[in-house]
Amino acid sequence: MPDVVKTVSESIVAELADDDAASMLAGQADIVDAVLAANRVFVAVAAGALANLEPEVTLPQFRALVLIDIHDAMTVAQLAEALGVVPSTATRMCDRLVAKDLVDRTVDSANRRQMTLTLRPEGHALIEQSTRQRTREINRLLKSIPPQAQADLAQGLGLLVQAAHGSDRTRASRRLHPTGAGQGMR
């Protein structure tokens, strides 16, 4: 593992006040290091897929598209809360997504002060394009891994996803996951 990853893991262990938690994490340092390294690979794959999208969107804009897709429709206030931004920031982001013909914004029939956001077919197509690009790149990476190791990897990642879904701390992040985790892999 690169020294910087080990340094990060070691510094986290050193900062823990609870001796039991520190000793448990120290025993898992190699696993944590491997997960952090894999996370960097996944981020690079996702960033590469975003870089090739047309029209171009930023990561926060893509997250907004995925959230709207997961929920079928959202108000600007709901989107702002899910993204952890103030409503005016979400409104400006939606202005850009509407201008790119990726999102429709309509007045809510039940409350005329609220705007409802839905994905246009172009927004759905952009998410699918990103998913196809990520899938191709992950398949390319997997070709260099022996079949049994691939099966072990799938099992381990599945357990990690299950653990994340059971954790209170990650429930909010599931809504924000750029791939739509929690709604099936996209």
N, C-alpha and C. Protein backbone atom coordinates (compact mmCIF):
# COMPACT_ATOMS: atom_id res chain seq x y z
N MET A 1 0.84 -1.18 0.00
CA MET A 1 0.00 0.00 0.00
C MET A 1 0.89 1.25 0.00
N PRO A 2 0.44 2.31 -0.65
CA PRO A 2 1.21 3.54 -0.61
C PRO A 2 1.33 4.04 0.83
N ASP A 3 2.48 4.68 1.09
CA ASP A 3 2.73 5.17 2.44
C ASP A 3 1.68 6.16 2.91
N VAL A 4 1.15 6.98 1.99
CA VAL A 4 0.18 7.98 2.39
C VAL A 4 -1.09 7.33 2.94
N VAL A 5 -1.51 6.19 2.38
CA VAL A 5 -2.70 5.50 2.88
C VAL A 5 -2.43 4.96 4.27
N LYS A 6 -1.27 4.32 4.45
CA LYS A 6 -0.94 3.79 5.78
C LYS A 6 -0.85 4.92 6.79
N THR A 7 -0.30 6.05 6.39
CA THR A 7 -0.19 7.19 7.29
C THR A 7 -1.57 7.66 7.71
N VAL A 8 -2.51 7.72 6.78
CA VAL A 8 -3.87 8.12 7.11
C VAL A 8 -4.50 7.13 8.08
N SER A 9 -4.39 5.84 7.79
CA SER A 9 -4.96 4.82 8.68
C SER A 9 -4.32 4.90 10.06
N GLU A 10 -3.01 5.02 10.12
CA GLU A 10 -2.32 5.08 11.40
C GLU A 10 -2.71 6.33 12.17
N SER A 11 -2.89 7.46 11.48
CA SER A 11 -3.27 8.68 12.19
C SER A 11 -4.69 8.58 12.73
N ILE A 12 -5.57 7.90 12.00
CA ILE A 12 -6.94 7.71 12.50
C ILE A 12 -6.91 6.84 13.74
N VAL A 13 -6.14 5.76 13.71
CA VAL A 13 -6.03 4.88 14.87
C VAL A 13 -5.49 5.67 16.06
N ALA A 14 -4.48 6.49 15.83
CA ALA A 14 -3.86 7.25 16.91
C ALA A 14 -4.83 8.25 17.52
N GLU A 15 -5.76 8.77 16.73
CA GLU A 15 -6.70 9.78 17.22
C GLU A 15 -7.86 9.20 18.02
N LEU A 16 -8.10 7.90 17.90
CA LEU A 16 -9.23 7.31 18.60
C LEU A 16 -8.99 7.32 20.10
N ALA A 17 -9.99 7.79 20.84
CA ALA A 17 -9.86 7.86 22.29
C ALA A 17 -10.14 6.51 22.95
N ASP A 18 -11.02 5.73 22.39
CA ASP A 18 -11.42 4.45 22.95
C ASP A 18 -10.36 3.40 22.60
N ASP A 19 -9.71 2.82 23.63
CA ASP A 19 -8.64 1.85 23.41
C ASP A 19 -9.12 0.61 22.65
N ASP A 20 -10.34 0.12 22.97
CA ASP A 20 -10.87 -1.05 22.27
C ASP A 20 -11.07 -0.75 20.79
N ALA A 21 -11.65 0.41 20.49
CA ALA A 21 -11.87 0.79 19.09
C ALA A 21 -10.54 0.95 18.37
N ALA A 22 -9.56 1.53 19.06
CA ALA A 22 -8.25 1.73 18.44
C ALA A 22 -7.58 0.39 18.14
N SER A 23 -7.65 -0.55 19.09
CA SER A 23 -7.00 -1.84 18.84
C SER A 23 -7.73 -2.62 17.76
N MET A 24 -9.07 -2.51 17.71
CA MET A 24 -9.83 -3.18 16.66
C MET A 24 -9.45 -2.61 15.29
N LEU A 25 -9.41 -1.28 15.18
CA LEU A 25 -9.08 -0.66 13.90
C LEU A 25 -7.64 -0.95 13.52
N ALA A 26 -6.74 -1.00 14.50
CA ALA A 26 -5.34 -1.31 14.20
C ALA A 26 -5.23 -2.71 13.60
N GLY A 27 -6.03 -3.65 14.09
CA GLY A 27 -6.03 -5.00 13.56
C GLY A 27 -6.63 -5.08 12.17
N GLN A 28 -7.39 -4.10 11.79
CA GLN A 28 -8.03 -4.07 10.47
C GLN A 28 -7.36 -3.08 9.54
N ALA A 29 -6.21 -2.56 9.92
CA ALA A 29 -5.57 -1.50 9.13
C ALA A 29 -5.33 -1.92 7.69
N ASP A 30 -4.89 -3.16 7.47
CA ASP A 30 -4.64 -3.61 6.10
C ASP A 30 -5.94 -3.65 5.29
N ILE A 31 -7.02 -4.06 5.95
CA ILE A 31 -8.31 -4.11 5.26
C ILE A 31 -8.79 -2.69 4.94
N VAL A 32 -8.67 -1.81 5.92
CA VAL A 32 -9.07 -0.41 5.71
C VAL A 32 -8.24 0.19 4.58
N ASP A 33 -6.94 -0.08 4.58
CA ASP A 33 -6.07 0.44 3.52
C ASP A 33 -6.52 -0.07 2.15
N ALA A 34 -6.87 -1.35 2.07
CA ALA A 34 -7.31 -1.93 0.80
C ALA A 34 -8.63 -1.31 0.34
N VAL A 35 -9.55 -1.10 1.28
CA VAL A 35 -10.84 -0.49 0.92
C VAL A 35 -10.62 0.95 0.46
N LEU A 36 -9.75 1.69 1.14
CA LEU A 36 -9.46 3.07 0.72
C LEU A 36 -8.83 3.09 -0.67
N ALA A 37 -7.93 2.17 -0.94
CA ALA A 37 -7.30 2.10 -2.26
C ALA A 37 -8.34 1.75 -3.33
N ALA A 38 -9.23 0.80 -3.03
CA ALA A 38 -10.29 0.45 -3.98
C ALA A 38 -11.23 1.62 -4.19
N ASN A 39 -11.51 2.36 -3.12
CA ASN A 39 -12.36 3.54 -3.24
C ASN A 39 -11.77 4.55 -4.22
N ARG A 40 -10.46 4.73 -4.16
CA ARG A 40 -9.81 5.65 -5.11
C ARG A 40 -9.98 5.16 -6.54
N VAL A 41 -9.90 3.85 -6.74
CA VAL A 41 -10.12 3.28 -8.08
C VAL A 41 -11.55 3.57 -8.54
N PHE A 42 -12.53 3.33 -7.67
CA PHE A 42 -13.93 3.56 -8.03
C PHE A 42 -14.19 5.04 -8.33
N VAL A 43 -13.58 5.92 -7.55
CA VAL A 43 -13.74 7.35 -7.79
C VAL A 43 -13.15 7.72 -9.14
N ALA A 44 -11.98 7.16 -9.46
CA ALA A 44 -11.36 7.44 -10.76
C ALA A 44 -12.22 6.93 -11.91
N VAL A 45 -12.82 5.76 -11.74
CA VAL A 45 -13.71 5.21 -12.78
C VAL A 45 -14.92 6.13 -12.96
N ALA A 46 -15.52 6.55 -11.85
CA ALA A 46 -16.69 7.44 -11.93
C ALA A 46 -16.32 8.78 -12.54
N ALA A 47 -15.18 9.33 -12.13
CA ALA A 47 -14.75 10.62 -12.69
C ALA A 47 -14.48 10.51 -14.18
N GLY A 48 -13.88 9.40 -14.59
CA GLY A 48 -13.64 9.19 -16.02
C GLY A 48 -14.94 9.12 -16.80
N ALA A 49 -15.94 8.47 -16.24
CA ALA A 49 -17.24 8.37 -16.91
C ALA A 49 -17.90 9.74 -17.00
N LEU A 50 -17.79 10.54 -15.94
CA LEU A 50 -18.38 11.88 -15.97
C LEU A 50 -17.68 12.78 -16.97
N ALA A 51 -16.38 12.61 -17.11
CA ALA A 51 -15.61 13.47 -18.02
C ALA A 51 -16.01 13.27 -19.47
N ASN A 52 -16.57 12.12 -19.79
CA ASN A 52 -16.93 11.81 -21.18
C ASN A 52 -18.40 12.04 -21.50
N LEU A 53 -19.16 12.57 -20.56
CA LEU A 53 -20.59 12.77 -20.80
C LEU A 53 -20.83 13.99 -21.67
N GLU A 54 -21.89 13.90 -22.46
CA GLU A 54 -22.32 15.03 -23.27
C GLU A 54 -23.83 15.16 -23.12
N PRO A 55 -24.37 16.24 -22.62
CA PRO A 55 -23.65 17.45 -22.25
C PRO A 55 -22.86 17.26 -20.96
N GLU A 56 -21.86 18.10 -20.79
CA GLU A 56 -21.02 18.03 -19.60
C GLU A 56 -21.84 18.40 -18.37
N VAL A 57 -21.62 17.66 -17.30
CA VAL A 57 -22.23 17.98 -16.01
C VAL A 57 -21.16 17.85 -14.94
N THR A 58 -21.32 18.61 -13.88
CA THR A 58 -20.42 18.51 -12.73
C THR A 58 -20.85 17.33 -11.86
N LEU A 59 -19.98 16.93 -10.95
CA LEU A 59 -20.35 15.85 -10.03
C LEU A 59 -21.60 16.21 -9.22
N PRO A 60 -21.69 17.43 -8.64
CA PRO A 60 -22.93 17.76 -7.91
C PRO A 60 -24.17 17.73 -8.81
N GLN A 61 -24.04 18.17 -10.06
CA GLN A 61 -25.18 18.10 -10.98
C GLN A 61 -25.56 16.65 -11.25
N PHE A 62 -24.56 15.79 -11.42
CA PHE A 62 -24.84 14.37 -11.66
C PHE A 62 -25.53 13.75 -10.45
N ARG A 63 -25.05 14.09 -9.26
CA ARG A 63 -25.70 13.60 -8.04
C ARG A 63 -27.16 14.03 -8.01
N ALA A 64 -27.42 15.27 -8.40
CA ALA A 64 -28.80 15.76 -8.43
C ALA A 64 -29.64 14.95 -9.41
N LEU A 65 -29.10 14.68 -10.58
CA LEU A 65 -29.83 13.87 -11.57
C LEU A 65 -30.17 12.50 -11.01
N VAL A 66 -29.20 11.87 -10.35
CA VAL A 66 -29.43 10.53 -9.80
C VAL A 66 -30.48 10.57 -8.69
N LEU A 67 -30.41 11.59 -7.84
CA LEU A 67 -31.41 11.70 -6.78
C LEU A 67 -32.81 11.89 -7.34
N ILE A 68 -32.94 12.74 -8.33
CA ILE A 68 -34.25 12.95 -8.95
C ILE A 68 -34.72 11.65 -9.59
N ASP A 69 -33.81 10.93 -10.22
CA ASP A 69 -34.15 9.65 -10.85
C ASP A 69 -34.62 8.64 -9.81
N ILE A 70 -33.91 8.53 -8.70
CA ILE A 70 -34.26 7.57 -7.65
C ILE A 70 -35.65 7.86 -7.09
N HIS A 71 -35.96 9.14 -6.92
CA HIS A 71 -37.24 9.52 -6.30
C HIS A 71 -38.36 9.75 -7.32
N ASP A 72 -38.07 9.65 -8.59
CA ASP A 72 -39.01 9.92 -9.68
C ASP A 72 -39.35 11.40 -9.80
N ALA A 73 -39.54 12.09 -8.69
CA ALA A 73 -39.80 13.53 -8.68
C ALA A 73 -39.42 14.06 -7.31
N MET A 74 -38.96 15.29 -7.27
CA MET A 74 -38.58 15.93 -6.01
C MET A 74 -38.88 17.41 -6.11
N THR A 75 -39.07 18.03 -4.96
CA THR A 75 -39.13 19.49 -4.94
C THR A 75 -37.70 20.01 -4.84
N VAL A 76 -37.53 21.28 -5.13
CA VAL A 76 -36.20 21.88 -5.00
C VAL A 76 -35.74 21.80 -3.55
N ALA A 77 -36.66 22.01 -2.61
CA ALA A 77 -36.30 21.93 -1.18
C ALA A 77 -35.84 20.53 -0.80
N GLN A 78 -36.52 19.51 -1.30
CA GLN A 78 -36.10 18.13 -1.02
C GLN A 78 -34.73 17.84 -1.62
N LEU A 79 -34.50 18.32 -2.83
CA LEU A 79 -33.20 18.12 -3.46
C LEU A 79 -32.11 18.83 -2.67
N ALA A 80 -32.37 20.06 -2.25
CA ALA A 80 -31.39 20.81 -1.46
C ALA A 80 -31.03 20.06 -0.18
N GLU A 81 -32.04 19.54 0.49
CA GLU A 81 -31.79 18.78 1.73
C GLU A 81 -30.96 17.54 1.45
N ALA A 82 -31.32 16.81 0.41
CA ALA A 82 -30.60 15.57 0.08
C ALA A 82 -29.15 15.85 -0.31
N LEU A 83 -28.91 16.98 -0.96
CA LEU A 83 -27.54 17.34 -1.36
C LEU A 83 -26.77 18.03 -0.24
N GLY A 84 -27.48 18.47 0.80
CA GLY A 84 -26.83 19.18 1.90
C GLY A 84 -26.43 20.60 1.52
N VAL A 85 -27.26 21.24 0.69
CA VAL A 85 -27.00 22.62 0.28
C VAL A 85 -28.22 23.47 0.61
N VAL A 86 -28.05 24.78 0.54
CA VAL A 86 -29.18 25.68 0.77
C VAL A 86 -30.06 25.68 -0.48
N PRO A 87 -31.35 25.97 -0.31
CA PRO A 87 -32.27 25.94 -1.46
C PRO A 87 -31.84 26.83 -2.63
N SER A 88 -31.25 27.97 -2.36
CA SER A 88 -30.84 28.84 -3.48
C SER A 88 -29.76 28.18 -4.33
N THR A 89 -28.88 27.41 -3.71
CA THR A 89 -27.85 26.68 -4.46
C THR A 89 -28.50 25.60 -5.32
N ALA A 90 -29.46 24.88 -4.75
CA ALA A 90 -30.17 23.85 -5.51
C ALA A 90 -30.95 24.48 -6.66
N THR A 91 -31.53 25.64 -6.43
CA THR A 91 -32.27 26.33 -7.49
C THR A 91 -31.35 26.69 -8.65
N ARG A 92 -30.18 27.24 -8.34
CA ARG A 92 -29.22 27.59 -9.41
C ARG A 92 -28.76 26.33 -10.16
N MET A 93 -28.53 25.25 -9.42
CA MET A 93 -28.13 24.00 -10.07
C MET A 93 -29.25 23.52 -11.00
N CYS A 94 -30.48 23.59 -10.53
CA CYS A 94 -31.61 23.16 -11.36
C CYS A 94 -31.76 24.06 -12.58
N ASP A 95 -31.51 25.35 -12.43
CA ASP A 95 -31.54 26.26 -13.58
C ASP A 95 -30.60 25.74 -14.67
N ARG A 96 -29.41 25.32 -14.27
CA ARG A 96 -28.42 24.82 -15.24
C ARG A 96 -28.87 23.50 -15.86
N LEU A 97 -29.45 22.62 -15.05
CA LEU A 97 -29.91 21.33 -15.56
C LEU A 97 -31.12 21.49 -16.49
N VAL A 98 -31.98 22.45 -16.19
CA VAL A 98 -33.11 22.75 -17.07
C VAL A 98 -32.59 23.32 -18.39
N ALA A 99 -31.60 24.21 -18.31
CA ALA A 99 -31.02 24.81 -19.52
C ALA A 99 -30.36 23.76 -20.41
N LYS A 100 -29.87 22.69 -19.81
CA LYS A 100 -29.23 21.60 -20.58
C LYS A 100 -30.26 20.56 -21.03
N ASP A 101 -31.55 20.84 -20.79
CA ASP A 101 -32.64 19.93 -21.17
C ASP A 101 -32.54 18.56 -20.50
N LEU A 102 -32.02 18.52 -19.27
CA LEU A 102 -31.90 17.26 -18.54
C LEU A 102 -33.01 17.09 -17.51
N VAL A 103 -33.58 18.21 -17.05
CA VAL A 103 -34.58 18.21 -15.99
C VAL A 103 -35.75 19.10 -16.41
N ASP A 104 -36.95 18.69 -16.04
CA ASP A 104 -38.14 19.54 -16.17
C ASP A 104 -38.49 20.06 -14.79
N ARG A 105 -38.92 21.31 -14.75
CA ARG A 105 -39.33 21.93 -13.49
C ARG A 105 -40.75 22.45 -13.71
N THR A 106 -41.68 21.93 -12.92
CA THR A 106 -43.08 22.34 -13.07
C THR A 106 -43.64 22.80 -11.74
N VAL A 107 -44.66 23.64 -11.81
CA VAL A 107 -45.32 24.12 -10.60
C VAL A 107 -46.12 22.96 -10.02
N ASP A 108 -45.95 22.73 -8.72
CA ASP A 108 -46.68 21.66 -8.03
C ASP A 108 -48.16 22.02 -7.99
N SER A 109 -49.01 21.12 -8.43
CA SER A 109 -50.45 21.41 -8.48
C SER A 109 -51.05 21.56 -7.09
N ALA A 110 -50.48 20.90 -6.09
CA ALA A 110 -51.00 20.98 -4.72
C ALA A 110 -50.51 22.24 -4.00
N ASN A 111 -49.34 22.73 -4.37
CA ASN A 111 -48.78 23.91 -3.72
C ASN A 111 -48.05 24.73 -4.78
N ARG A 112 -48.67 25.78 -5.24
CA ARG A 112 -48.14 26.56 -6.35
C ARG A 112 -46.80 27.24 -6.03
N ARG A 113 -46.43 27.28 -4.75
CA ARG A 113 -45.13 27.88 -4.41
C ARG A 113 -43.98 26.89 -4.57
N GLN A 114 -44.32 25.61 -4.75
CA GLN A 114 -43.29 24.59 -4.89
C GLN A 114 -43.12 24.20 -6.35
N MET A 115 -41.86 23.92 -6.69
CA MET A 115 -41.54 23.44 -8.02
C MET A 115 -41.19 21.96 -7.92
N THR A 116 -41.74 21.15 -8.81
CA THR A 116 -41.43 19.73 -8.85
C THR A 116 -40.43 19.47 -9.96
N LEU A 117 -39.40 18.70 -9.64
CA LEU A 117 -38.34 18.37 -10.59
C LEU A 117 -38.52 16.93 -11.05
N THR A 118 -38.44 16.72 -12.35
CA THR A 118 -38.46 15.38 -12.92
C THR A 118 -37.39 15.31 -14.00
N LEU A 119 -36.91 14.10 -14.25
CA LEU A 119 -35.90 13.93 -15.30
C LEU A 119 -36.56 13.90 -16.66
N ARG A 120 -35.92 14.55 -17.60
CA ARG A 120 -36.31 14.44 -19.00
C ARG A 120 -35.67 13.17 -19.56
N PRO A 121 -36.11 12.68 -20.69
CA PRO A 121 -35.47 11.50 -21.28
C PRO A 121 -33.96 11.69 -21.46
N GLU A 122 -33.54 12.92 -21.75
CA GLU A 122 -32.11 13.20 -21.91
C GLU A 122 -31.36 13.01 -20.59
N GLY A 123 -32.01 13.31 -19.46
CA GLY A 123 -31.40 13.09 -18.15
C GLY A 123 -31.24 11.61 -17.86
N HIS A 124 -32.28 10.84 -18.17
CA HIS A 124 -32.19 9.38 -18.01
C HIS A 124 -31.07 8.82 -18.89
N ALA A 125 -31.00 9.31 -20.12
CA ALA A 125 -29.98 8.81 -21.06
C ALA A 125 -28.58 9.12 -20.56
N LEU A 126 -28.40 10.28 -19.94
CA LEU A 126 -27.08 10.66 -19.42
C LEU A 126 -26.66 9.71 -18.29
N ILE A 127 -27.59 9.39 -17.40
CA ILE A 127 -27.29 8.45 -16.31
C ILE A 127 -26.93 7.09 -16.89
N GLU A 128 -27.70 6.63 -17.86
CA GLU A 128 -27.42 5.34 -18.49
C GLU A 128 -26.07 5.34 -19.20
N GLN A 129 -25.74 6.44 -19.87
CA GLN A 129 -24.44 6.55 -20.55
C GLN A 129 -23.31 6.42 -19.54
N SER A 130 -23.42 7.10 -18.41
CA SER A 130 -22.40 7.01 -17.37
C SER A 130 -22.30 5.59 -16.83
N THR A 131 -23.44 4.95 -16.61
CA THR A 131 -23.45 3.58 -16.10
C THR A 131 -22.76 2.64 -17.07
N ARG A 132 -23.05 2.78 -18.35
CA ARG A 132 -22.41 1.92 -19.36
C ARG A 132 -20.89 2.12 -19.36
N GLN A 133 -20.44 3.37 -19.27
CA GLN A 133 -19.00 3.64 -19.28
C GLN A 133 -18.33 3.06 -18.04
N ARG A 134 -18.96 3.21 -16.88
CA ARG A 134 -18.39 2.64 -15.65
C ARG A 134 -18.36 1.13 -15.72
N THR A 135 -19.43 0.53 -16.24
CA THR A 135 -19.50 -0.93 -16.37
C THR A 135 -18.39 -1.45 -17.27
N ARG A 136 -18.18 -0.79 -18.41
CA ARG A 136 -17.10 -1.21 -19.32
C ARG A 136 -15.74 -1.14 -18.63
N GLU A 137 -15.49 -0.06 -17.91
CA GLU A 137 -14.18 0.10 -17.26
C GLU A 137 -14.00 -0.92 -16.14
N ILE A 138 -15.03 -1.17 -15.35
CA ILE A 138 -14.92 -2.16 -14.28
C ILE A 138 -14.72 -3.55 -14.87
N ASN A 139 -15.44 -3.87 -15.94
CA ASN A 139 -15.23 -5.17 -16.62
C ASN A 139 -13.80 -5.30 -17.13
N ARG A 140 -13.26 -4.21 -17.65
CA ARG A 140 -11.87 -4.23 -18.13
C ARG A 140 -10.92 -4.54 -16.97
N LEU A 141 -11.14 -3.91 -15.83
CA LEU A 141 -10.29 -4.15 -14.66
C LEU A 141 -10.44 -5.58 -14.15
N LEU A 142 -11.65 -6.10 -14.15
CA LEU A 142 -11.90 -7.45 -13.63
C LEU A 142 -11.26 -8.54 -14.48
N LYS A 143 -11.03 -8.28 -15.75
CA LYS A 143 -10.43 -9.29 -16.63
C LYS A 143 -9.05 -9.73 -16.14
N SER A 144 -8.37 -8.87 -15.39
CA SER A 144 -7.03 -9.22 -14.92
C SER A 144 -7.05 -9.95 -13.58
N ILE A 145 -8.24 -10.21 -13.05
CA ILE A 145 -8.37 -10.88 -11.75
C ILE A 145 -8.88 -12.30 -11.98
N PRO A 146 -8.24 -13.31 -11.36
CA PRO A 146 -8.70 -14.69 -11.52
C PRO A 146 -10.16 -14.86 -11.08
N PRO A 147 -10.89 -15.79 -11.71
CA PRO A 147 -12.33 -15.97 -11.41
C PRO A 147 -12.65 -16.16 -9.93
N GLN A 148 -11.89 -16.98 -9.20
CA GLN A 148 -12.19 -17.19 -7.78
C GLN A 148 -12.01 -15.89 -6.99
N ALA A 149 -10.98 -15.13 -7.33
CA ALA A 149 -10.76 -13.85 -6.65
C ALA A 149 -11.90 -12.87 -6.98
N GLN A 150 -12.43 -12.94 -8.21
CA GLN A 150 -13.57 -12.11 -8.56
C GLN A 150 -14.78 -12.46 -7.70
N ALA A 151 -15.01 -13.76 -7.50
CA ALA A 151 -16.13 -14.21 -6.67
C ALA A 151 -15.95 -13.74 -5.23
N ASP A 152 -14.72 -13.86 -4.72
CA ASP A 152 -14.43 -13.40 -3.36
C ASP A 152 -14.63 -11.89 -3.24
N LEU A 153 -14.19 -11.17 -4.26
CA LEU A 153 -14.35 -9.72 -4.28
C LEU A 153 -15.83 -9.35 -4.26
N ALA A 154 -16.63 -10.01 -5.09
CA ALA A 154 -18.07 -9.74 -5.13
C ALA A 154 -18.71 -10.00 -3.78
N GLN A 155 -18.32 -11.11 -3.15
CA GLN A 155 -18.88 -11.43 -1.84
C GLN A 155 -18.47 -10.38 -0.80
N GLY A 156 -17.21 -10.02 -0.79
CA GLY A 156 -16.73 -9.02 0.17
C GLY A 156 -17.38 -7.66 -0.03
N LEU A 157 -17.48 -7.24 -1.27
CA LEU A 157 -18.13 -5.95 -1.54
C LEU A 157 -19.61 -6.00 -1.18
N GLY A 158 -20.25 -7.14 -1.43
CA GLY A 158 -21.65 -7.28 -1.05
C GLY A 158 -21.84 -7.14 0.45
N LEU A 159 -20.94 -7.74 1.22
CA LEU A 159 -21.02 -7.62 2.68
C LEU A 159 -20.77 -6.19 3.13
N LEU A 160 -19.84 -5.50 2.46
CA LEU A 160 -19.57 -4.10 2.80
C LEU A 160 -20.80 -3.24 2.52
N VAL A 161 -21.46 -3.48 1.40
CA VAL A 161 -22.68 -2.74 1.06
C VAL A 161 -23.77 -3.02 2.10
N GLN A 162 -23.92 -4.29 2.49
CA GLN A 162 -24.91 -4.62 3.52
C GLN A 162 -24.60 -3.92 4.83
N ALA A 163 -23.33 -3.89 5.21
CA ALA A 163 -22.93 -3.21 6.45
C ALA A 163 -23.24 -1.72 6.36
N ALA A 164 -23.00 -1.13 5.20
CA ALA A 164 -23.28 0.29 5.02
C ALA A 164 -24.78 0.57 5.11
N HIS A 165 -25.58 -0.32 4.57
CA HIS A 165 -27.02 -0.12 4.60
C HIS A 165 -27.58 -0.26 6.00
N GLY A 166 -26.88 -0.98 6.86
CA GLY A 166 -27.34 -1.16 8.23
C GLY A 166 -26.85 -0.10 9.18
N SER A 167 -25.96 0.74 8.73
CA SER A 167 -25.36 1.75 9.60
C SER A 167 -26.16 3.05 9.56
N ASP A 168 -26.53 3.56 10.73
CA ASP A 168 -27.24 4.84 10.79
C ASP A 168 -26.44 5.95 10.13
N ARG A 169 -25.13 5.89 10.29
CA ARG A 169 -24.26 6.95 9.78
C ARG A 169 -24.27 7.02 8.26
N THR A 170 -24.55 5.91 7.60
CA THR A 170 -24.49 5.91 6.14
C THR A 170 -25.85 6.01 5.48
N ARG A 171 -26.91 6.03 6.26
CA ARG A 171 -28.24 6.09 5.63
C ARG A 171 -28.39 7.34 4.76
N ALA A 172 -27.96 8.48 5.26
CA ALA A 172 -28.07 9.71 4.46
C ALA A 172 -27.18 9.64 3.24
N SER A 173 -25.99 9.06 3.37
CA SER A 173 -25.08 9.00 2.23
C SER A 173 -25.61 8.08 1.14
N ARG A 174 -26.42 7.07 1.49
CA ARG A 174 -27.01 6.20 0.46
C ARG A 174 -27.87 7.01 -0.49
N ARG A 175 -28.59 8.00 0.04
CA ARG A 175 -29.43 8.83 -0.83
C ARG A 175 -28.57 9.63 -1.79
N LEU A 176 -27.35 9.92 -1.39
CA LEU A 176 -26.49 10.79 -2.18
C LEU A 176 -25.56 10.04 -3.10
N HIS A 177 -25.52 8.73 -2.98
CA HIS A 177 -24.56 7.95 -3.75
C HIS A 177 -24.79 8.16 -5.24
N PRO A 178 -23.73 8.56 -5.96
CA PRO A 178 -23.89 8.87 -7.37
C PRO A 178 -24.33 7.72 -8.25
N THR A 179 -24.25 6.52 -7.76
CA THR A 179 -24.69 5.40 -8.59
C THR A 179 -26.08 4.95 -8.23
N GLY A 180 -26.69 5.60 -7.25
CA GLY A 180 -28.03 5.19 -6.87
C GLY A 180 -28.04 3.96 -5.99
N ALA A 181 -26.99 3.74 -5.19
CA ALA A 181 -26.95 2.59 -4.30
C ALA A 181 -28.19 2.60 -3.43
N GLY A 182 -28.67 1.45 -3.13
CA GLY A 182 -29.89 1.33 -2.35
C GLY A 182 -31.10 1.15 -3.26
N GLN A 183 -30.95 1.47 -4.51
CA GLN A 183 -32.02 1.28 -5.49
C GLN A 183 -31.58 0.28 -6.55
N GLY A 184 -30.55 -0.48 -6.24
CA GLY A 184 -29.98 -1.38 -7.24
C GLY A 184 -28.85 -0.65 -7.96
N MET A 185 -27.94 -1.37 -8.51
CA MET A 185 -26.82 -0.74 -9.20
C MET A 185 -27.32 -0.18 -10.51
N ARG A 186 -26.89 0.99 -10.81
CA ARG A 186 -27.30 1.66 -12.05
C ARG A 186 -26.16 1.68 -13.01
